[in-house]
Amino acid sequence: MSDKVSIELENMKFYAYHGHYEVEQKVGNHFLVTLICETSSFDALKSDRLKDALDYQQLYRIVKREMEIPSHLLEHVAERMATSLFAEVQGITRIRIKISKMNPPMGGEIEKVSITLERNI
């Protein structure tokens, strides 16, 4: 069977202290995070029990925890998220994490800058 089930947590909003520049680390900024987790476990489709599914509350808690740790690079934040998600949540076969920094300090009008990390187990 080649079917996949995806859980998507879209545009989670955080205020955090990520950035290369000192002002970013002191003042902080708004961030959006979208997480897509795929699984090849289909038990939940038939059982209707949370214990057989990817628990999106657990996924959110992991993302939130990693967003609270200041980093210089969004790539580093995404790497920590990916590592934690694969280590702590059974059944994930693939993840896609997009982190967007809103109104980045670039000297011009820019809505957001984003990085995306995709990883298979």
N, C-alpha and C. Protein backbone atom coordinates (compact mmCIF):
# COMPACT_ATOMS: atom_id res chain seq x y z
N MET A 1 0.84 -1.17 0.00
CA MET A 1 0.00 0.00 0.00
C MET A 1 0.89 1.24 0.00
N SER A 2 0.63 2.19 -0.87
CA SER A 2 1.46 3.38 -0.98
C SER A 2 0.76 4.62 -0.45
N ASP A 3 -0.39 4.46 0.18
CA ASP A 3 -1.10 5.62 0.73
C ASP A 3 -0.31 6.24 1.87
N LYS A 4 -0.56 7.52 2.08
CA LYS A 4 0.06 8.26 3.17
C LYS A 4 -1.03 9.07 3.87
N VAL A 5 -0.83 9.27 5.15
CA VAL A 5 -1.68 10.16 5.92
C VAL A 5 -0.81 11.33 6.36
N SER A 6 -1.31 12.54 6.19
CA SER A 6 -0.57 13.73 6.60
C SER A 6 -1.33 14.48 7.68
N ILE A 7 -0.58 14.97 8.64
CA ILE A 7 -1.11 15.89 9.65
C ILE A 7 -0.44 17.23 9.37
N GLU A 8 -1.23 18.27 9.23
CA GLU A 8 -0.69 19.59 8.93
C GLU A 8 -1.09 20.58 10.01
N LEU A 9 -0.10 21.22 10.59
CA LEU A 9 -0.31 22.32 11.53
C LEU A 9 0.13 23.56 10.78
N GLU A 10 -0.82 24.39 10.41
CA GLU A 10 -0.55 25.49 9.49
C GLU A 10 -0.50 26.84 10.19
N ASN A 11 0.53 27.60 9.88
CA ASN A 11 0.68 28.97 10.34
C ASN A 11 0.54 29.14 11.85
N MET A 12 1.27 28.30 12.58
CA MET A 12 1.35 28.48 14.03
C MET A 12 2.11 29.78 14.27
N LYS A 13 1.60 30.63 15.16
CA LYS A 13 2.20 31.94 15.39
C LYS A 13 3.00 31.93 16.69
N PHE A 14 4.20 32.51 16.60
CA PHE A 14 5.09 32.60 17.76
C PHE A 14 5.77 33.96 17.76
N TYR A 15 6.11 34.42 18.94
CA TYR A 15 7.02 35.55 19.10
C TYR A 15 8.29 34.97 19.67
N ALA A 16 9.40 35.16 18.96
CA ALA A 16 10.65 34.50 19.36
C ALA A 16 11.84 35.41 19.06
N TYR A 17 13.01 34.92 19.44
CA TYR A 17 14.25 35.72 19.38
C TYR A 17 15.29 35.05 18.50
N HIS A 18 14.93 34.84 17.23
CA HIS A 18 15.84 34.22 16.28
C HIS A 18 16.38 35.28 15.33
N GLY A 19 17.67 35.22 15.07
CA GLY A 19 18.23 36.13 14.09
C GLY A 19 19.72 36.32 14.30
N HIS A 20 20.37 36.68 13.24
CA HIS A 20 21.82 36.89 13.26
C HIS A 20 22.19 38.18 13.99
N TYR A 21 21.37 39.21 13.81
CA TYR A 21 21.72 40.53 14.34
C TYR A 21 21.30 40.67 15.80
N GLU A 22 22.11 41.43 16.54
CA GLU A 22 21.88 41.61 17.98
C GLU A 22 20.48 42.16 18.26
N VAL A 23 20.02 43.08 17.44
CA VAL A 23 18.69 43.66 17.66
C VAL A 23 17.60 42.58 17.55
N GLU A 24 17.77 41.63 16.65
CA GLU A 24 16.80 40.55 16.52
C GLU A 24 16.78 39.67 17.76
N GLN A 25 17.93 39.48 18.35
CA GLN A 25 18.05 38.63 19.53
C GLN A 25 17.50 39.32 20.78
N LYS A 26 17.48 40.65 20.79
CA LYS A 26 16.98 41.39 21.95
C LYS A 26 15.51 41.77 21.82
N VAL A 27 15.12 42.22 20.64
CA VAL A 27 13.76 42.71 20.43
C VAL A 27 12.80 41.58 20.05
N GLY A 28 13.29 40.62 19.29
CA GLY A 28 12.45 39.52 18.84
C GLY A 28 11.62 39.88 17.63
N ASN A 29 10.80 38.93 17.20
CA ASN A 29 9.99 39.12 16.00
C ASN A 29 8.87 38.09 16.01
N HIS A 30 7.93 38.29 15.09
CA HIS A 30 6.83 37.35 14.89
C HIS A 30 7.27 36.31 13.85
N PHE A 31 6.87 35.07 14.09
CA PHE A 31 7.20 33.96 13.20
C PHE A 31 5.95 33.13 12.93
N LEU A 32 5.90 32.55 11.75
CA LEU A 32 4.88 31.56 11.40
C LEU A 32 5.59 30.24 11.13
N VAL A 33 5.02 29.15 11.63
CA VAL A 33 5.58 27.83 11.38
C VAL A 33 4.47 26.94 10.84
N THR A 34 4.76 26.27 9.73
CA THR A 34 3.87 25.25 9.19
C THR A 34 4.61 23.93 9.22
N LEU A 35 3.95 22.93 9.78
CA LEU A 35 4.53 21.60 9.91
C LEU A 35 3.62 20.59 9.23
N ILE A 36 4.22 19.76 8.38
CA ILE A 36 3.50 18.64 7.77
C ILE A 36 4.24 17.37 8.16
N CYS A 37 3.53 16.45 8.79
CA CYS A 37 4.09 15.15 9.17
C CYS A 37 3.31 14.07 8.45
N GLU A 38 4.04 13.18 7.80
CA GLU A 38 3.41 12.05 7.11
C GLU A 38 3.66 10.77 7.91
N THR A 39 2.70 9.87 7.81
CA THR A 39 2.83 8.56 8.43
C THR A 39 2.30 7.51 7.47
N SER A 40 2.82 6.32 7.60
CA SER A 40 2.29 5.20 6.81
C SER A 40 1.48 4.26 7.70
N SER A 41 1.20 4.71 8.92
CA SER A 41 0.39 3.92 9.85
C SER A 41 -1.08 4.26 9.62
N PHE A 42 -1.87 3.24 9.37
CA PHE A 42 -3.27 3.45 9.05
C PHE A 42 -4.20 2.95 10.15
N ASP A 43 -3.66 2.61 11.31
CA ASP A 43 -4.48 2.11 12.40
C ASP A 43 -5.59 3.09 12.77
N ALA A 44 -5.28 4.37 12.81
CA ALA A 44 -6.27 5.37 13.22
C ALA A 44 -7.45 5.45 12.25
N LEU A 45 -7.22 5.12 10.99
CA LEU A 45 -8.30 5.17 10.01
C LEU A 45 -9.43 4.21 10.37
N LYS A 46 -9.07 3.11 11.00
CA LYS A 46 -10.06 2.10 11.36
C LYS A 46 -10.45 2.16 12.84
N SER A 47 -9.49 2.50 13.72
CA SER A 47 -9.75 2.41 15.16
C SER A 47 -10.48 3.62 15.73
N ASP A 48 -10.28 4.80 15.14
CA ASP A 48 -10.85 6.03 15.65
C ASP A 48 -10.33 6.36 17.05
N ARG A 49 -9.06 5.97 17.32
CA ARG A 49 -8.45 6.22 18.63
C ARG A 49 -7.19 7.07 18.46
N LEU A 50 -7.05 8.06 19.34
CA LEU A 50 -5.90 8.96 19.27
C LEU A 50 -4.59 8.21 19.43
N LYS A 51 -4.57 7.18 20.23
CA LYS A 51 -3.31 6.44 20.45
C LYS A 51 -2.77 5.81 19.17
N ASP A 52 -3.62 5.69 18.15
CA ASP A 52 -3.20 5.11 16.87
C ASP A 52 -2.85 6.17 15.82
N ALA A 53 -2.92 7.43 16.20
CA ALA A 53 -2.70 8.53 15.25
C ALA A 53 -1.50 9.37 15.69
N LEU A 54 -1.07 10.27 14.80
CA LEU A 54 -0.11 11.29 15.20
C LEU A 54 -0.88 12.34 15.99
N ASP A 55 -0.48 12.58 17.21
CA ASP A 55 -1.16 13.51 18.11
C ASP A 55 -0.70 14.93 17.79
N TYR A 56 -1.57 15.74 17.20
CA TYR A 56 -1.14 17.06 16.78
C TYR A 56 -0.86 17.98 17.96
N GLN A 57 -1.39 17.70 19.14
CA GLN A 57 -1.03 18.48 20.32
C GLN A 57 0.42 18.22 20.73
N GLN A 58 0.84 16.97 20.62
CA GLN A 58 2.24 16.64 20.91
C GLN A 58 3.15 17.31 19.88
N LEU A 59 2.75 17.28 18.62
CA LEU A 59 3.54 17.94 17.57
C LEU A 59 3.69 19.43 17.86
N TYR A 60 2.59 20.07 18.25
CA TYR A 60 2.62 21.50 18.57
C TYR A 60 3.55 21.79 19.75
N ARG A 61 3.47 20.98 20.79
CA ARG A 61 4.32 21.20 21.97
C ARG A 61 5.80 21.14 21.61
N ILE A 62 6.18 20.22 20.73
CA ILE A 62 7.57 20.11 20.31
C ILE A 62 8.00 21.35 19.52
N VAL A 63 7.17 21.78 18.58
CA VAL A 63 7.48 22.98 17.80
C VAL A 63 7.60 24.19 18.72
N LYS A 64 6.67 24.36 19.63
CA LYS A 64 6.67 25.48 20.56
C LYS A 64 7.95 25.48 21.40
N ARG A 65 8.31 24.32 21.93
CA ARG A 65 9.51 24.21 22.76
C ARG A 65 10.75 24.65 21.99
N GLU A 66 10.88 24.21 20.75
CA GLU A 66 12.06 24.57 19.95
C GLU A 66 12.04 26.03 19.54
N MET A 67 10.86 26.60 19.32
CA MET A 67 10.78 28.03 18.97
C MET A 67 11.19 28.91 20.15
N GLU A 68 11.07 28.41 21.36
CA GLU A 68 11.43 29.19 22.56
C GLU A 68 12.93 29.27 22.79
N ILE A 69 13.72 28.47 22.08
CA ILE A 69 15.17 28.47 22.22
C ILE A 69 15.77 29.42 21.17
N PRO A 70 16.35 30.55 21.58
CA PRO A 70 16.90 31.50 20.60
C PRO A 70 18.00 30.87 19.74
N SER A 71 17.98 31.22 18.47
CA SER A 71 18.98 30.73 17.52
C SER A 71 19.34 31.85 16.55
N HIS A 72 20.52 31.75 15.98
CA HIS A 72 20.95 32.74 14.99
C HIS A 72 20.30 32.48 13.63
N LEU A 73 20.04 31.21 13.32
CA LEU A 73 19.53 30.85 11.99
C LEU A 73 18.24 30.04 12.08
N LEU A 74 17.30 30.34 11.19
CA LEU A 74 16.06 29.57 11.13
C LEU A 74 16.34 28.12 10.72
N GLU A 75 17.38 27.94 9.93
CA GLU A 75 17.75 26.57 9.53
C GLU A 75 18.07 25.72 10.76
N HIS A 76 18.72 26.33 11.73
CA HIS A 76 19.08 25.62 12.96
C HIS A 76 17.83 25.27 13.77
N VAL A 77 16.88 26.19 13.83
CA VAL A 77 15.62 25.92 14.53
C VAL A 77 14.90 24.76 13.86
N ALA A 78 14.82 24.77 12.53
CA ALA A 78 14.15 23.69 11.80
C ALA A 78 14.84 22.35 12.02
N GLU A 79 16.16 22.36 12.06
CA GLU A 79 16.91 21.12 12.31
C GLU A 79 16.58 20.56 13.69
N ARG A 80 16.55 21.42 14.68
CA ARG A 80 16.20 20.95 16.04
C ARG A 80 14.79 20.38 16.08
N MET A 81 13.88 21.05 15.41
CA MET A 81 12.49 20.54 15.35
C MET A 81 12.44 19.16 14.71
N ALA A 82 13.10 19.03 13.57
CA ALA A 82 13.08 17.75 12.85
C ALA A 82 13.66 16.63 13.71
N THR A 83 14.80 16.90 14.32
CA THR A 83 15.45 15.89 15.16
C THR A 83 14.54 15.49 16.32
N SER A 84 13.94 16.47 16.98
CA SER A 84 13.05 16.18 18.11
C SER A 84 11.79 15.44 17.68
N LEU A 85 11.21 15.84 16.57
CA LEU A 85 9.98 15.19 16.10
C LEU A 85 10.23 13.71 15.79
N PHE A 86 11.30 13.43 15.05
CA PHE A 86 11.59 12.03 14.73
C PHE A 86 11.93 11.23 15.98
N ALA A 87 12.60 11.84 16.95
CA ALA A 87 13.00 11.13 18.16
C ALA A 87 11.84 10.89 19.12
N GLU A 88 10.89 11.81 19.17
CA GLU A 88 9.86 11.77 20.20
C GLU A 88 8.49 11.27 19.74
N VAL A 89 8.26 11.24 18.44
CA VAL A 89 6.94 10.87 17.93
C VAL A 89 7.08 9.64 17.04
N GLN A 90 6.49 8.55 17.48
CA GLN A 90 6.55 7.32 16.68
C GLN A 90 5.61 7.41 15.49
N GLY A 91 6.05 6.86 14.39
CA GLY A 91 5.19 6.75 13.22
C GLY A 91 5.42 7.78 12.14
N ILE A 92 6.20 8.82 12.42
CA ILE A 92 6.46 9.83 11.38
C ILE A 92 7.43 9.25 10.36
N THR A 93 7.08 9.36 9.08
CA THR A 93 7.95 8.87 8.02
C THR A 93 8.58 10.02 7.22
N ARG A 94 7.94 11.18 7.25
CA ARG A 94 8.44 12.33 6.50
C ARG A 94 7.93 13.59 7.16
N ILE A 95 8.77 14.62 7.16
CA ILE A 95 8.33 15.91 7.67
C ILE A 95 8.70 17.02 6.70
N ARG A 96 7.93 18.09 6.78
CA ARG A 96 8.22 19.33 6.06
C ARG A 96 7.95 20.46 7.05
N ILE A 97 8.97 21.27 7.30
CA ILE A 97 8.85 22.37 8.24
C ILE A 97 9.16 23.66 7.49
N LYS A 98 8.24 24.61 7.57
CA LYS A 98 8.46 25.93 6.98
C LYS A 98 8.40 26.94 8.12
N ILE A 99 9.47 27.72 8.27
CA ILE A 99 9.52 28.78 9.28
C ILE A 99 9.65 30.11 8.55
N SER A 100 8.75 31.03 8.87
CA SER A 100 8.76 32.36 8.25
C SER A 100 8.98 33.43 9.30
N LYS A 101 9.91 34.33 9.04
CA LYS A 101 10.14 35.51 9.89
C LYS A 101 9.37 36.66 9.25
N MET A 102 8.47 37.25 10.02
CA MET A 102 7.64 38.32 9.51
C MET A 102 8.41 39.64 9.56
N ASN A 103 8.21 40.46 8.57
CA ASN A 103 8.83 41.79 8.50
C ASN A 103 10.32 41.75 8.88
N PRO A 104 11.12 41.00 8.16
CA PRO A 104 12.54 40.89 8.51
C PRO A 104 13.25 42.24 8.35
N PRO A 105 14.24 42.51 9.21
CA PRO A 105 14.95 43.80 9.15
C PRO A 105 15.95 43.82 8.00
N MET A 106 15.45 44.12 6.81
CA MET A 106 16.31 44.08 5.63
C MET A 106 16.40 45.42 4.92
N GLY A 107 15.85 46.47 5.52
CA GLY A 107 15.95 47.79 4.92
C GLY A 107 14.95 48.05 3.82
N GLY A 108 13.95 47.22 3.72
CA GLY A 108 12.90 47.40 2.71
C GLY A 108 11.62 46.75 3.20
N GLU A 109 10.57 46.93 2.44
CA GLU A 109 9.28 46.37 2.81
C GLU A 109 9.19 44.93 2.30
N ILE A 110 9.29 43.98 3.23
CA ILE A 110 9.23 42.56 2.90
C ILE A 110 8.28 41.91 3.89
N GLU A 111 7.27 41.23 3.40
CA GLU A 111 6.28 40.60 4.28
C GLU A 111 6.93 39.56 5.17
N LYS A 112 7.73 38.69 4.56
CA LYS A 112 8.36 37.62 5.34
C LYS A 112 9.48 36.98 4.54
N VAL A 113 10.36 36.33 5.27
CA VAL A 113 11.40 35.50 4.66
C VAL A 113 11.22 34.11 5.27
N SER A 114 11.37 33.07 4.47
CA SER A 114 11.08 31.72 4.94
C SER A 114 12.18 30.74 4.58
N ILE A 115 12.30 29.72 5.42
CA ILE A 115 13.13 28.57 5.08
C ILE A 115 12.24 27.33 5.19
N THR A 116 12.57 26.31 4.41
CA THR A 116 11.82 25.07 4.44
C THR A 116 12.79 23.91 4.53
N LEU A 117 12.51 23.00 5.45
CA LEU A 117 13.30 21.78 5.60
C LEU A 117 12.39 20.59 5.36
N GLU A 118 12.81 19.68 4.48
CA GLU A 118 12.07 18.44 4.24
C GLU A 118 12.99 17.28 4.55
N ARG A 119 12.44 16.30 5.26
CA ARG A 119 13.27 15.14 5.62
C ARG A 119 12.42 13.89 5.70
N ASN A 120 12.97 12.81 5.17
CA ASN A 120 12.37 11.48 5.31
C ASN A 120 13.14 10.73 6.38
N ILE A 121 12.48 9.81 7.02
CA ILE A 121 13.15 9.02 8.05
C ILE A 121 14.18 8.10 7.40
